[in-house]
Amino acid sequence: MAFRNMANMQMMMFLLVGIGFLVRRKNIIGSTARKELVDFCLYVTLPFNTFHSFQMEWEGSMLTELAEILLLSAGYNVLSIAVSFFSYRKTATSKQKPLRYGTIVSNGGFLGNPVVEGIYGTRGLLYASVFLLPVRIVMWSIGTSCFMKDKQNPGEILKKVLTHPCIVSIYLGLTVMILGIEFPAFLDSTIAGISSCNTPLSMMLVGMMLSEMNPRGIWDRTMIYYVAVRLLALPAVMFAVTAFLPLPSVLRGTGVIMAGMPAPVTTALLSSKYGGNEMYATGMIFITTLLSLFTLPIWCLLLG
């Protein structure tokens, strides 16, 4: 059942990416509008999607499971940071920036939530949202430092992390779930409606970004290494470690799948803003997103 859900989800994602590709290629949406849609997704639909994932009845046993998924996420972040630090040392600085960032940060927010929700339902989406909490903290601190030469102000980093809409939505969602707060029907429908926009919008945005890139000269040895790390090595370590831990299958599957996500769209955006190789960064997104259509179903099959 899980494998069939994953296959159906991947085919839907592929079609949505194709639609986004055509929309941008036909210039129905221009480059400026596309960038604004990325912000709209990051600051509106994704936070609503995260908040909606907490709309479920609270159970005492969930506290232990949420703690376990947090520990899994923390371990994953330590691993990805270590791999990023010891890799790409001989690579040109303009490529090194997106490569290190793309190793530390995955596309868990855009792709991870809808994929896990498609496989495991609302409970899986809850685990995925909690898994992303440490990821987002690392993303806005160590991750962004890959692009910035100057030392960042710790106070500004902390403020950015604590006030990011995706993280605020987790705080609010946990509060609502634990207190058992119920919303009026119109408000609940509004939250669910905006949440449901996240998957199609994020997938079409990936297609729009892919339509803007020139694939020539992207596929090199460094790219092969990066693809192997992002799609195979990191989830393989998670798969092996969790095999020896007494974890629920949904929790284990969520951790492995989130670890095997492709490069995030923010890789190209930050490269453009802070002097990274934007074309190479877009290539990272294109190649890992395309190959994830094959690797993610394989991980799902191995998870049983």
C-alpha atoms as a PDB file:
ATOM      1  CA  MET A   1       0.000   0.000   0.000  1.00  0.00           C
ATOM      2  CA  ALA A   2       2.750   2.457   0.961  1.00  0.00           C
ATOM      3  CA  PHE A   3       4.685   1.742  -2.246  1.00  0.00           C
ATOM      4  CA  ARG A   4       1.566   2.257  -4.367  1.00  0.00           C
ATOM      5  CA  ASN A   5       0.850   5.530  -2.572  1.00  0.00           C
ATOM      6  CA  MET A   6       4.435   6.618  -3.203  1.00  0.00           C
ATOM      7  CA  ALA A   7       4.246   5.711  -6.906  1.00  0.00           C
ATOM      8  CA  ASN A   8       0.976   7.631  -7.316  1.00  0.00           C
ATOM      9  CA  MET A   9       2.443  10.593  -5.447  1.00  0.00           C
ATOM     10  CA  GLN A  10       5.549  10.642  -7.623  1.00  0.00           C
ATOM     11  CA  MET A  11       3.523  10.525 -10.843  1.00  0.00           C
ATOM     12  CA  MET A  12       1.373  13.409  -9.623  1.00  0.00           C
ATOM     13  CA  MET A  13       4.524  15.355  -8.725  1.00  0.00           C
ATOM     14  CA  PHE A  14       6.001  14.678 -12.156  1.00  0.00           C
ATOM     15  CA  LEU A  15       2.879  16.014 -13.886  1.00  0.00           C
ATOM     16  CA  LEU A  16       2.780  19.119 -11.694  1.00  0.00           C
ATOM     17  CA  VAL A  17       6.465  19.817 -12.388  1.00  0.00           C
ATOM     18  CA  GLY A  18       5.730  19.432 -16.112  1.00  0.00           C
ATOM     19  CA  ILE A  19       2.852  21.905 -15.892  1.00  0.00           C
ATOM     20  CA  GLY A  20       5.067  24.416 -14.107  1.00  0.00           C
ATOM     21  CA  PHE A  21       7.767  23.920 -16.739  1.00  0.00           C
ATOM     22  CA  LEU A  22       5.312  24.713 -19.560  1.00  0.00           C
ATOM     23  CA  VAL A  23       3.801  27.681 -17.715  1.00  0.00           C
ATOM     24  CA  ARG A  24       7.224  29.298 -17.337  1.00  0.00           C
ATOM     25  CA  ARG A  25       8.427  28.301 -20.811  1.00  0.00           C
ATOM     26  CA  LYS A  26       5.326  29.903 -22.378  1.00  0.00           C
ATOM     27  CA  ASN A  27       6.026  32.964 -20.205  1.00  0.00           C
ATOM     28  CA  ILE A  28       2.574  32.818 -18.639  1.00  0.00           C
ATOM     29  CA  ILE A  29       4.459  33.604 -15.439  1.00  0.00           C
ATOM     30  CA  GLY A  30       7.637  35.692 -15.669  1.00  0.00           C
ATOM     31  CA  SER A  31      10.819  35.374 -13.616  1.00  0.00           C
ATOM     32  CA  THR A  32       9.794  38.119 -11.179  1.00  0.00           C
ATOM     33  CA  ALA A  33       6.398  36.551 -10.555  1.00  0.00           C
ATOM     34  CA  ARG A  34       8.031  33.156 -10.094  1.00  0.00           C
ATOM     35  CA  LYS A  35      10.317  34.499  -7.369  1.00  0.00           C
ATOM     36  CA  GLU A  36       7.349  36.154  -5.673  1.00  0.00           C
ATOM     37  CA  LEU A  37       5.456  32.846  -5.798  1.00  0.00           C
ATOM     38  CA  VAL A  38       8.393  31.171  -4.041  1.00  0.00           C
ATOM     39  CA  ASP A  39       8.013  33.679  -1.195  1.00  0.00           C
ATOM     40  CA  PHE A  40       4.261  33.118  -1.187  1.00  0.00           C
ATOM     41  CA  CYS A  41       4.818  29.395  -0.821  1.00  0.00           C
ATOM     42  CA  LEU A  42       7.462  29.805   1.892  1.00  0.00           C
ATOM     43  CA  TYR A  43       5.553  32.341   3.955  1.00  0.00           C
ATOM     44  CA  VAL A  44       1.905  31.388   3.369  1.00  0.00           C
ATOM     45  CA  THR A  45       1.006  27.959   1.984  1.00  0.00           C
ATOM     46  CA  LEU A  46       3.826  26.009   3.659  1.00  0.00           C
ATOM     47  CA  PRO A  47       3.165  27.437   7.173  1.00  0.00           C
ATOM     48  CA  PHE A  48      -0.557  26.704   6.747  1.00  0.00           C
ATOM     49  CA  ASN A  49       0.295  23.186   5.596  1.00  0.00           C
ATOM     50  CA  THR A  50       2.519  22.698   8.644  1.00  0.00           C
ATOM     51  CA  PHE A  51      -0.112  24.076  11.014  1.00  0.00           C
ATOM     52  CA  HIS A  52      -2.827  21.896   9.455  1.00  0.00           C
ATOM     53  CA  SER A  53      -0.702  18.803  10.074  1.00  0.00           C
ATOM     54  CA  PHE A  54      -1.317  19.272  13.812  1.00  0.00           C
ATOM     55  CA  GLN A  55      -5.100  19.164  13.403  1.00  0.00           C
ATOM     56  CA  MET A  56      -5.531  15.770  14.995  1.00  0.00           C
ATOM     57  CA  GLU A  57      -6.550  14.325  18.339  1.00  0.00           C
ATOM     58  CA  TRP A  58      -3.739  14.401  20.909  1.00  0.00           C
ATOM     59  CA  GLU A  59      -2.578  11.119  22.405  1.00  0.00           C
ATOM     60  CA  GLY A  60      -0.216  10.779  25.356  1.00  0.00           C
ATOM     61  CA  SER A  61       1.983   8.308  23.473  1.00  0.00           C
ATOM     62  CA  MET A  62       2.656  10.947  20.816  1.00  0.00           C
ATOM     63  CA  LEU A  63       4.919  12.889  23.194  1.00  0.00           C
ATOM     64  CA  THR A  64       7.471  10.075  23.148  1.00  0.00           C
ATOM     65  CA  GLU A  65       7.218   9.698  19.393  1.00  0.00           C
ATOM     66  CA  LEU A  66       7.664  13.425  18.796  1.00  0.00           C
ATOM     67  CA  ALA A  67      10.763  13.375  21.009  1.00  0.00           C
ATOM     68  CA  GLU A  68      12.100  10.423  19.005  1.00  0.00           C
ATOM     69  CA  ILE A  69      11.581  12.163  15.659  1.00  0.00           C
ATOM     70  CA  LEU A  70      13.315  15.272  17.045  1.00  0.00           C
ATOM     71  CA  LEU A  71      16.318  13.168  18.063  1.00  0.00           C
ATOM     72  CA  LEU A  72      16.368  11.520  14.635  1.00  0.00           C
ATOM     73  CA  SER A  73      16.313  14.932  12.995  1.00  0.00           C
ATOM     74  CA  ALA A  74      19.100  16.214  15.254  1.00  0.00           C
ATOM     75  CA  GLY A  75      21.242  13.203  14.348  1.00  0.00           C
ATOM     76  CA  TYR A  76      20.542  13.720  10.660  1.00  0.00           C
ATOM     77  CA  ASN A  77      21.568  17.379  10.887  1.00  0.00           C
ATOM     78  CA  VAL A  78      24.835  16.551  12.651  1.00  0.00           C
ATOM     79  CA  LEU A  79      25.593  13.987   9.932  1.00  0.00           C
ATOM     80  CA  SER A  80      24.773  16.321   7.025  1.00  0.00           C
ATOM     81  CA  ILE A  81      26.829  19.180   8.507  1.00  0.00           C
ATOM     82  CA  ALA A  82      29.820  16.873   9.003  1.00  0.00           C
ATOM     83  CA  VAL A  83      29.613  15.552   5.437  1.00  0.00           C
ATOM     84  CA  SER A  84      29.304  19.102   4.094  1.00  0.00           C
ATOM     85  CA  PHE A  85      32.310  20.299   6.116  1.00  0.00           C
ATOM     86  CA  PHE A  86      34.645  17.534   4.869  1.00  0.00           C
ATOM     87  CA  SER A  87      33.476  17.659   1.237  1.00  0.00           C
ATOM     88  CA  TYR A  88      33.999  20.016  -1.720  1.00  0.00           C
ATOM     89  CA  ARG A  89      37.253  21.488  -0.353  1.00  0.00           C
ATOM     90  CA  LYS A  90      38.893  21.509  -3.803  1.00  0.00           C
ATOM     91  CA  THR A  91      35.789  22.868  -5.551  1.00  0.00           C
ATOM     92  CA  ALA A  92      35.587  26.458  -6.806  1.00  0.00           C
ATOM     93  CA  THR A  93      34.104  28.806  -4.220  1.00  0.00           C
ATOM     94  CA  SER A  94      31.138  29.750  -6.413  1.00  0.00           C
ATOM     95  CA  LYS A  95      30.141  26.068  -6.627  1.00  0.00           C
ATOM     96  CA  GLN A  96      31.233  25.220  -3.108  1.00  0.00           C
ATOM     97  CA  LYS A  97      28.604  27.525  -1.592  1.00  0.00           C
ATOM     98  CA  PRO A  98      25.510  25.816  -3.065  1.00  0.00           C
ATOM     99  CA  LEU A  99      27.044  22.344  -2.721  1.00  0.00           C
ATOM    100  CA  ARG A 100      27.630  22.703   1.016  1.00  0.00           C
ATOM    101  CA  TYR A 101      24.258  24.318   1.557  1.00  0.00           C
ATOM    102  CA  GLY A 102      22.509  21.642  -0.518  1.00  0.00           C
ATOM    103  CA  THR A 103      24.190  18.913   1.512  1.00  0.00           C
ATOM    104  CA  ILE A 104      23.104  20.404   4.827  1.00  0.00           C
ATOM    105  CA  VAL A 105      19.590  21.390   3.725  1.00  0.00           C
ATOM    106  CA  SER A 106      17.157  19.254   1.716  1.00  0.00           C
ATOM    107  CA  ASN A 107      13.875  20.042   0.009  1.00  0.00           C
ATOM    108  CA  GLY A 108      11.965  18.617   2.968  1.00  0.00           C
ATOM    109  CA  GLY A 109       9.676  21.620   3.237  1.00  0.00           C
ATOM    110  CA  PHE A 110       8.528  21.707  -0.383  1.00  0.00           C
ATOM    111  CA  LEU A 111       8.642  17.994  -1.222  1.00  0.00           C
ATOM    112  CA  GLY A 112       9.005  16.164   2.069  1.00  0.00           C
ATOM    113  CA  ASN A 113       5.685  17.132   3.633  1.00  0.00           C
ATOM    114  CA  PRO A 114       3.482  16.238   0.625  1.00  0.00           C
ATOM    115  CA  VAL A 115       5.402  13.019  -0.086  1.00  0.00           C
ATOM    116  CA  VAL A 116       5.230  11.782   3.515  1.00  0.00           C
ATOM    117  CA  GLU A 117       1.583  12.820   3.749  1.00  0.00           C
ATOM    118  CA  GLY A 118       0.846  10.886   0.557  1.00  0.00           C
ATOM    119  CA  ILE A 119       2.415   7.738   2.013  1.00  0.00           C
ATOM    120  CA  TYR A 120       1.571   7.839   5.718  1.00  0.00           C
ATOM    121  CA  GLY A 121      -1.332  10.279   5.924  1.00  0.00           C
ATOM    122  CA  THR A 122      -1.849  12.961   8.574  1.00  0.00           C
ATOM    123  CA  ARG A 123       0.262  11.242  11.217  1.00  0.00           C
ATOM    124  CA  GLY A 124       3.213  11.065   8.858  1.00  0.00           C
ATOM    125  CA  LEU A 125       2.759  14.747   8.015  1.00  0.00           C
ATOM    126  CA  LEU A 126       2.893  15.551  11.727  1.00  0.00           C
ATOM    127  CA  TYR A 127       6.199  13.679  12.099  1.00  0.00           C
ATOM    128  CA  ALA A 128       7.584  15.361   8.979  1.00  0.00           C
ATOM    129  CA  SER A 129       6.677  18.818  10.315  1.00  0.00           C
ATOM    130  CA  VAL A 130       8.412  18.115  13.633  1.00  0.00           C
ATOM    131  CA  PHE A 131      11.424  16.608  11.808  1.00  0.00           C
ATOM    132  CA  LEU A 132      11.759  19.915   9.954  1.00  0.00           C
ATOM    133  CA  LEU A 133      12.042  21.986  13.151  1.00  0.00           C
ATOM    134  CA  PRO A 134      15.794  21.318  13.721  1.00  0.00           C
ATOM    135  CA  VAL A 135      16.295  21.369   9.942  1.00  0.00           C
ATOM    136  CA  ARG A 136      14.913  24.905   9.680  1.00  0.00           C
ATOM    137  CA  ILE A 137      17.019  26.082  12.611  1.00  0.00           C
ATOM    138  CA  VAL A 138      20.132  24.759  10.867  1.00  0.00           C
ATOM    139  CA  MET A 139      18.916  26.118   7.522  1.00  0.00           C
ATOM    140  CA  TRP A 140      18.728  29.712   8.754  1.00  0.00           C
ATOM    141  CA  SER A 141      21.979  29.568  10.704  1.00  0.00           C
ATOM    142  CA  ILE A 142      24.701  27.157   9.572  1.00  0.00           C
ATOM    143  CA  GLY A 143      23.073  26.714   6.162  1.00  0.00           C
ATOM    144  CA  THR A 144      22.990  30.379   5.225  1.00  0.00           C
ATOM    145  CA  SER A 145      26.524  30.837   6.611  1.00  0.00           C
ATOM    146  CA  CYS A 146      27.740  28.769   3.632  1.00  0.00           C
ATOM    147  CA  PHE A 147      26.952  31.792   1.462  1.00  0.00           C
ATOM    148  CA  MET A 148      28.027  34.622   3.744  1.00  0.00           C
ATOM    149  CA  LYS A 149      31.651  35.581   4.202  1.00  0.00           C
ATOM    150  CA  ASP A 150      31.063  37.963   7.101  1.00  0.00           C
ATOM    151  CA  LYS A 151      30.326  36.649  10.574  1.00  0.00           C
ATOM    152  CA  GLN A 152      26.617  36.800  11.282  1.00  0.00           C
ATOM    153  CA  ASN A 153      25.154  38.459  14.340  1.00  0.00           C
ATOM    154  CA  PRO A 154      23.938  35.648  16.649  1.00  0.00           C
ATOM    155  CA  GLY A 155      21.042  37.814  17.822  1.00  0.00           C
ATOM    156  CA  GLU A 156      19.819  38.356  14.282  1.00  0.00           C
ATOM    157  CA  ILE A 157      20.111  34.639  13.522  1.00  0.00           C
ATOM    158  CA  LEU A 158      18.128  33.734  16.626  1.00  0.00           C
ATOM    159  CA  LYS A 159      15.434  36.269  15.782  1.00  0.00           C
ATOM    160  CA  LYS A 160      15.190  34.994  12.212  1.00  0.00           C
ATOM    161  CA  VAL A 161      14.870  31.398  13.405  1.00  0.00           C
ATOM    162  CA  LEU A 162      12.296  32.041  16.127  1.00  0.00           C
ATOM    163  CA  THR A 163      10.102  34.268  13.965  1.00  0.00           C
ATOM    164  CA  HIS A 164      10.169  32.250  10.753  1.00  0.00           C
ATOM    165  CA  PRO A 165       6.528  31.494   9.772  1.00  0.00           C
ATOM    166  CA  CYS A 166       7.195  27.777   9.341  1.00  0.00           C
ATOM    167  CA  ILE A 167       8.581  27.502  12.870  1.00  0.00           C
ATOM    168  CA  VAL A 168       5.862  29.712  14.364  1.00  0.00           C
ATOM    169  CA  SER A 169       3.282  27.442  12.737  1.00  0.00           C
ATOM    170  CA  ILE A 170       4.815  24.481  14.597  1.00  0.00           C
ATOM    171  CA  TYR A 171       4.545  26.279  17.947  1.00  0.00           C
ATOM    172  CA  LEU A 172       0.935  27.216  17.261  1.00  0.00           C
ATOM    173  CA  GLY A 173       0.063  23.777  15.906  1.00  0.00           C
ATOM    174  CA  LEU A 174       1.475  22.001  18.950  1.00  0.00           C
ATOM    175  CA  THR A 175      -0.427  24.334  21.266  1.00  0.00           C
ATOM    176  CA  VAL A 176      -3.715  23.768  19.451  1.00  0.00           C
ATOM    177  CA  MET A 177      -3.224  19.997  19.362  1.00  0.00           C
ATOM    178  CA  ILE A 178      -2.231  19.629  23.033  1.00  0.00           C
ATOM    179  CA  LEU A 179      -5.020  21.924  24.295  1.00  0.00           C
ATOM    180  CA  GLY A 180      -7.575  20.272  22.023  1.00  0.00           C
ATOM    181  CA  ILE A 181      -8.756  23.592  20.545  1.00  0.00           C
ATOM    182  CA  GLU A 182     -11.471  23.239  17.894  1.00  0.00           C
ATOM    183  CA  PHE A 183     -12.030  25.911  15.242  1.00  0.00           C
ATOM    184  CA  PRO A 184     -15.349  26.992  13.703  1.00  0.00           C
ATOM    185  CA  ALA A 185     -16.154  25.168  10.475  1.00  0.00           C
ATOM    186  CA  PHE A 186     -15.419  28.195   8.251  1.00  0.00           C
ATOM    187  CA  LEU A 187     -11.976  28.719   9.816  1.00  0.00           C
ATOM    188  CA  ASP A 188     -11.111  25.033   9.674  1.00  0.00           C
ATOM    189  CA  SER A 189     -12.086  24.939   5.987  1.00  0.00           C
ATOM    190  CA  THR A 190      -9.953  28.007   5.279  1.00  0.00           C
ATOM    191  CA  ILE A 191      -6.885  26.452   6.911  1.00  0.00           C
ATOM    192  CA  ALA A 192      -7.421  23.160   5.077  1.00  0.00           C
ATOM    193  CA  GLY A 193      -7.970  24.942   1.760  1.00  0.00           C
ATOM    194  CA  ILE A 194      -4.759  26.982   1.928  1.00  0.00           C
ATOM    195  CA  SER A 195      -2.859  23.909   3.155  1.00  0.00           C
ATOM    196  CA  SER A 196      -3.988  21.905   0.136  1.00  0.00           C
ATOM    197  CA  CYS A 197      -2.456  24.545  -2.184  1.00  0.00           C
ATOM    198  CA  ASN A 198       1.063  23.789  -0.956  1.00  0.00           C
ATOM    199  CA  THR A 199       1.717  20.599  -2.921  1.00  0.00           C
ATOM    200  CA  PRO A 200       0.619  21.734  -6.415  1.00  0.00           C
ATOM    201  CA  LEU A 201       2.141  25.198  -6.017  1.00  0.00           C
ATOM    202  CA  SER A 202       5.517  23.965  -4.780  1.00  0.00           C
ATOM    203  CA  MET A 203       5.761  21.303  -7.499  1.00  0.00           C
ATOM    204  CA  MET A 204       4.907  23.744 -10.271  1.00  0.00           C
ATOM    205  CA  LEU A 205       7.482  26.193  -8.884  1.00  0.00           C
ATOM    206  CA  VAL A 206      10.142  23.505  -9.204  1.00  0.00           C
ATOM    207  CA  GLY A 207       9.099  23.061 -12.850  1.00  0.00           C
ATOM    208  CA  MET A 208       9.312  26.814 -13.434  1.00  0.00           C
ATOM    209  CA  MET A 209      12.844  26.918 -12.041  1.00  0.00           C
ATOM    210  CA  LEU A 210      13.913  23.961 -14.153  1.00  0.00           C
ATOM    211  CA  SER A 211      12.692  25.694 -17.308  1.00  0.00           C
ATOM    212  CA  GLU A 212      15.106  28.589 -16.676  1.00  0.00           C
ATOM    213  CA  MET A 213      18.297  26.536 -16.558  1.00  0.00           C
ATOM    214  CA  ASN A 214      20.816  25.505 -19.200  1.00  0.00           C
ATOM    215  CA  PRO A 215      21.876  21.895 -18.478  1.00  0.00           C
ATOM    216  CA  ARG A 216      25.186  22.090 -20.366  1.00  0.00           C
ATOM    217  CA  GLY A 217      28.285  21.628 -18.228  1.00  0.00           C
ATOM    218  CA  ILE A 218      26.279  20.785 -15.107  1.00  0.00           C
ATOM    219  CA  TRP A 219      26.966  17.047 -14.941  1.00  0.00           C
ATOM    220  CA  ASP A 220      30.522  16.609 -13.635  1.00  0.00           C
ATOM    221  CA  ARG A 221      32.281  14.457 -11.021  1.00  0.00           C
ATOM    222  CA  THR A 222      31.392  16.815  -8.210  1.00  0.00           C
ATOM    223  CA  MET A 223      27.731  16.694  -9.199  1.00  0.00           C
ATOM    224  CA  ILE A 224      27.827  12.882  -9.268  1.00  0.00           C
ATOM    225  CA  TYR A 225      29.303  12.879  -5.768  1.00  0.00           C
ATOM    226  CA  TYR A 226      26.700  15.352  -4.551  1.00  0.00           C
ATOM    227  CA  VAL A 227      23.798  13.332  -5.988  1.00  0.00           C
ATOM    228  CA  ALA A 228      25.134  10.158  -4.352  1.00  0.00           C
ATOM    229  CA  VAL A 229      25.397  11.905  -0.977  1.00  0.00           C
ATOM    230  CA  ARG A 230      22.012  13.649  -1.066  1.00  0.00           C
ATOM    231  CA  LEU A 231      19.860  10.846  -2.482  1.00  0.00           C
ATOM    232  CA  LEU A 232      21.702   7.686  -1.392  1.00  0.00           C
ATOM    233  CA  ALA A 233      24.296   8.073   1.376  1.00  0.00           C
ATOM    234  CA  LEU A 234      22.378  10.243   3.868  1.00  0.00           C
ATOM    235  CA  PRO A 235      19.128   8.217   3.741  1.00  0.00           C
ATOM    236  CA  ALA A 236      21.181   4.989   3.787  1.00  0.00           C
ATOM    237  CA  VAL A 237      22.758   5.982   7.097  1.00  0.00           C
ATOM    238  CA  MET A 238      19.307   6.830   8.486  1.00  0.00           C
ATOM    239  CA  PHE A 239      17.967   3.518   7.185  1.00  0.00           C
ATOM    240  CA  ALA A 240      20.789   1.537   8.789  1.00  0.00           C
ATOM    241  CA  VAL A 241      20.688   3.354  12.145  1.00  0.00           C
ATOM    242  CA  THR A 242      16.908   3.173  12.539  1.00  0.00           C
ATOM    243  CA  ALA A 243      16.932  -0.541  11.694  1.00  0.00           C
ATOM    244  CA  PHE A 244      18.482  -1.163  15.128  1.00  0.00           C
ATOM    245  CA  LEU A 245      16.105   1.137  17.011  1.00  0.00           C
ATOM    246  CA  PRO A 246      12.664   0.127  18.352  1.00  0.00           C
ATOM    247  CA  LEU A 247      10.778   2.764  16.361  1.00  0.00           C
ATOM    248  CA  PRO A 248       7.278   2.674  14.850  1.00  0.00           C
ATOM    249  CA  SER A 249       7.381   2.008  11.106  1.00  0.00           C
ATOM    250  CA  VAL A 250       5.755   5.355  10.285  1.00  0.00           C
ATOM    251  CA  LEU A 251       8.331   7.254  12.332  1.00  0.00           C
ATOM    252  CA  ARG A 252      11.242   5.358  10.808  1.00  0.00           C
ATOM    253  CA  GLY A 253       9.907   5.773   7.286  1.00  0.00           C
ATOM    254  CA  THR A 254       9.422   9.492   7.781  1.00  0.00           C
ATOM    255  CA  GLY A 255      13.028   9.925   8.920  1.00  0.00           C
ATOM    256  CA  VAL A 256      14.498   7.981   5.997  1.00  0.00           C
ATOM    257  CA  ILE A 257      12.343   9.664   3.354  1.00  0.00           C
ATOM    258  CA  MET A 258      12.997  13.153   4.709  1.00  0.00           C
ATOM    259  CA  ALA A 259      16.749  12.410   4.652  1.00  0.00           C
ATOM    260  CA  GLY A 260      16.518  11.376   0.983  1.00  0.00           C
ATOM    261  CA  MET A 261      14.906  14.556  -0.341  1.00  0.00           C
ATOM    262  CA  PRO A 262      16.521  16.417  -3.280  1.00  0.00           C
ATOM    263  CA  ALA A 263      18.211  19.826  -3.194  1.00  0.00           C
ATOM    264  CA  PRO A 264      15.992  22.699  -1.994  1.00  0.00           C
ATOM    265  CA  VAL A 265      14.853  25.530  -4.249  1.00  0.00           C
ATOM    266  CA  THR A 266      16.449  27.997  -1.828  1.00  0.00           C
ATOM    267  CA  THR A 267      19.849  26.763  -3.050  1.00  0.00           C
ATOM    268  CA  ALA A 268      19.405  28.717  -6.278  1.00  0.00           C
ATOM    269  CA  LEU A 269      17.791  31.719  -4.589  1.00  0.00           C
ATOM    270  CA  LEU A 270      20.609  32.133  -2.063  1.00  0.00           C
ATOM    271  CA  SER A 271      23.238  31.530  -4.765  1.00  0.00           C
ATOM    272  CA  SER A 272      21.751  34.369  -6.789  1.00  0.00           C
ATOM    273  CA  LYS A 273      21.724  36.701  -3.791  1.00  0.00           C
ATOM    274  CA  TYR A 274      25.100  35.872  -2.222  1.00  0.00           C
ATOM    275  CA  GLY A 275      27.438  35.192  -5.127  1.00  0.00           C
ATOM    276  CA  GLY A 276      27.071  31.450  -5.573  1.00  0.00           C
ATOM    277  CA  ASN A 277      26.905  29.738  -8.966  1.00  0.00           C
ATOM    278  CA  GLU A 278      23.159  30.064  -9.633  1.00  0.00           C
ATOM    279  CA  MET A 279      23.256  27.930 -12.788  1.00  0.00           C
ATOM    280  CA  TYR A 280      25.069  25.112 -11.010  1.00  0.00           C
ATOM    281  CA  ALA A 281      22.685  25.398  -8.055  1.00  0.00           C
ATOM    282  CA  THR A 282      19.690  25.104 -10.383  1.00  0.00           C
ATOM    283  CA  GLY A 283      21.350  22.055 -11.924  1.00  0.00           C
ATOM    284  CA  MET A 284      21.580  20.509  -8.459  1.00  0.00           C
ATOM    285  CA  ILE A 285      17.843  21.050  -8.047  1.00  0.00           C
ATOM    286  CA  PHE A 286      17.049  19.697 -11.521  1.00  0.00           C
ATOM    287  CA  ILE A 287      19.151  16.536 -11.314  1.00  0.00           C
ATOM    288  CA  THR A 288      18.313  15.556  -7.737  1.00  0.00           C
ATOM    289  CA  THR A 289      14.606  16.284  -8.231  1.00  0.00           C
ATOM    290  CA  LEU A 290      14.529  14.197 -11.398  1.00  0.00           C
ATOM    291  CA  LEU A 291      16.464  11.275  -9.903  1.00  0.00           C
ATOM    292  CA  SER A 292      14.418  11.388  -6.706  1.00  0.00           C
ATOM    293  CA  LEU A 293      11.484  10.203  -8.803  1.00  0.00           C
ATOM    294  CA  PHE A 294      13.344   6.872  -8.851  1.00  0.00           C
ATOM    295  CA  THR A 295      15.242   6.838  -5.549  1.00  0.00           C
ATOM    296  CA  LEU A 296      12.334   7.742  -3.259  1.00  0.00           C
ATOM    297  CA  PRO A 297      10.116   4.840  -4.412  1.00  0.00           C
ATOM    298  CA  ILE A 298      13.103   2.509  -3.919  1.00  0.00           C
ATOM    299  CA  TRP A 299      13.555   3.713  -0.319  1.00  0.00           C
ATOM    300  CA  CYS A 300       9.831   3.286   0.202  1.00  0.00           C
ATOM    301  CA  LEU A 301      10.020  -0.266  -1.141  1.00  0.00           C
ATOM    302  CA  LEU A 302      12.994  -1.085   1.126  1.00  0.00           C
ATOM    303  CA  LEU A 303      11.092   0.269   4.109  1.00  0.00           C
ATOM    304  CA  GLY A 304       8.343  -2.220   3.363  1.00  0.00           C
END
